[in-house]
Amino acid sequence: MALSGDDFSGFNPIERLVIELADSMASTPSNISDDLYSRLRDKFSEEQLLQLGAQIAFENFRARLNRVFDVGSDHLYQPGADRK
């Protein structure tokens, strides 16, 4: 699913919670509020949160590293191409 602006209506509540976590982790400085952490703990085990946080951190690392070397898009995603 492609995002357009701040419209997250196509995502279920748990997916939106994970997006909120990713946004919080990607901001500088990254800060996960007690409220967000509490809501995450209601849905995920500590092991799941560790795996989720590690994957989000890795993707953020890759995105920032790509900026150093000016790595552009490979254009694998084409908006509207998946619609028939």
Protein backbone atom coordinates (compact mmCIF):
# COMPACT_ATOMS: atom_id res chain seq x y z
CA MET A 1 0.00 0.00 0.00
CA ALA A 2 1.33 3.43 -0.89
CA LEU A 3 0.96 6.33 1.50
CA SER A 4 -0.39 9.61 0.36
CA GLY A 5 0.23 12.38 2.87
CA ASP A 6 -0.98 11.56 6.35
CA ASP A 7 -3.86 9.30 5.30
CA PHE A 8 -3.36 6.06 7.22
CA SER A 9 -6.97 4.93 6.86
CA GLY A 10 -5.93 1.88 4.84
CA PHE A 11 -4.05 0.47 7.82
CA ASN A 12 -5.53 -1.35 10.78
CA PRO A 13 -4.94 -0.04 14.34
CA ILE A 14 -1.93 -2.28 15.00
CA GLU A 15 -0.29 -1.26 11.72
CA ARG A 16 -0.86 2.40 12.58
CA LEU A 17 0.74 1.78 15.98
CA VAL A 18 3.83 0.33 14.28
CA ILE A 19 3.96 3.32 11.90
CA GLU A 20 3.82 5.60 14.94
CA LEU A 21 6.76 3.69 16.44
CA ALA A 22 8.73 3.96 13.20
CA ASP A 23 8.04 7.70 13.01
CA SER A 24 9.16 8.17 16.62
CA MET A 25 12.32 6.16 16.05
CA ALA A 26 13.18 8.07 12.86
CA SER A 27 12.83 11.52 14.39
CA THR A 28 15.85 13.29 15.82
CA PRO A 29 16.25 12.87 18.66
CA SER A 30 14.31 9.64 18.72
CA ASN A 31 12.03 9.47 21.71
CA ILE A 32 9.48 6.80 22.47
CA SER A 33 6.96 8.25 24.89
CA ASP A 34 5.74 6.27 27.87
CA ASP A 35 2.26 6.40 26.36
CA LEU A 36 3.42 4.89 23.05
CA TYR A 37 5.47 2.24 24.84
CA SER A 38 2.47 1.31 26.97
CA ARG A 39 0.23 0.96 23.92
CA LEU A 40 2.90 -1.16 22.18
CA ARG A 41 3.21 -3.41 25.26
CA ASP A 42 -0.55 -4.01 25.13
CA LYS A 43 -0.16 -5.53 21.63
CA PHE A 44 3.34 -7.02 21.51
CA SER A 45 5.54 -9.15 23.73
CA GLU A 46 8.95 -7.86 24.79
CA GLU A 47 10.60 -10.21 22.28
CA GLN A 48 8.34 -8.96 19.49
CA LEU A 49 9.10 -5.34 20.40
CA LEU A 50 12.82 -6.07 20.35
CA GLN A 51 12.57 -7.61 16.88
CA LEU A 52 10.30 -4.84 15.61
CA GLY A 53 12.51 -2.09 17.02
CA ALA A 54 15.63 -3.71 15.60
CA GLN A 55 14.13 -3.96 12.12
CA ILE A 56 12.90 -0.36 12.17
CA ALA A 57 16.34 0.78 13.37
CA PHE A 58 18.04 -1.21 10.60
CA GLU A 59 15.81 0.30 7.90
CA ASN A 60 16.45 3.79 9.31
CA PHE A 61 20.20 3.05 9.25
CA ARG A 62 20.01 1.95 5.62
CA ALA A 63 18.04 5.05 4.62
CA ARG A 64 20.53 7.37 6.30
CA LEU A 65 23.52 5.50 4.86
CA ASN A 66 22.02 5.76 1.37
CA ARG A 67 21.91 9.55 1.78
CA VAL A 68 25.68 9.64 2.41
CA PHE A 69 26.33 8.01 -0.95
CA ASP A 70 23.42 9.70 -2.74
CA VAL A 71 21.80 6.35 -3.54
CA GLY A 72 18.65 7.05 -5.49
CA SER A 73 15.56 5.05 -6.14
CA ASP A 74 15.74 1.90 -8.23
CA HIS A 75 12.18 2.72 -9.38
CA LEU A 76 10.85 -0.73 -8.48
CA TYR A 77 7.74 0.93 -7.11
CA GLN A 78 5.63 2.75 -9.65
CA PRO A 79 2.55 4.48 -8.22
CA GLY A 80 -0.58 3.11 -9.81
CA ALA A 81 1.26 0.27 -11.58
CA ASP A 82 -0.36 -2.32 -9.31
CA ARG A 83 -3.84 -1.13 -10.22
CA LYS A 84 -5.61 -2.78 -13.10
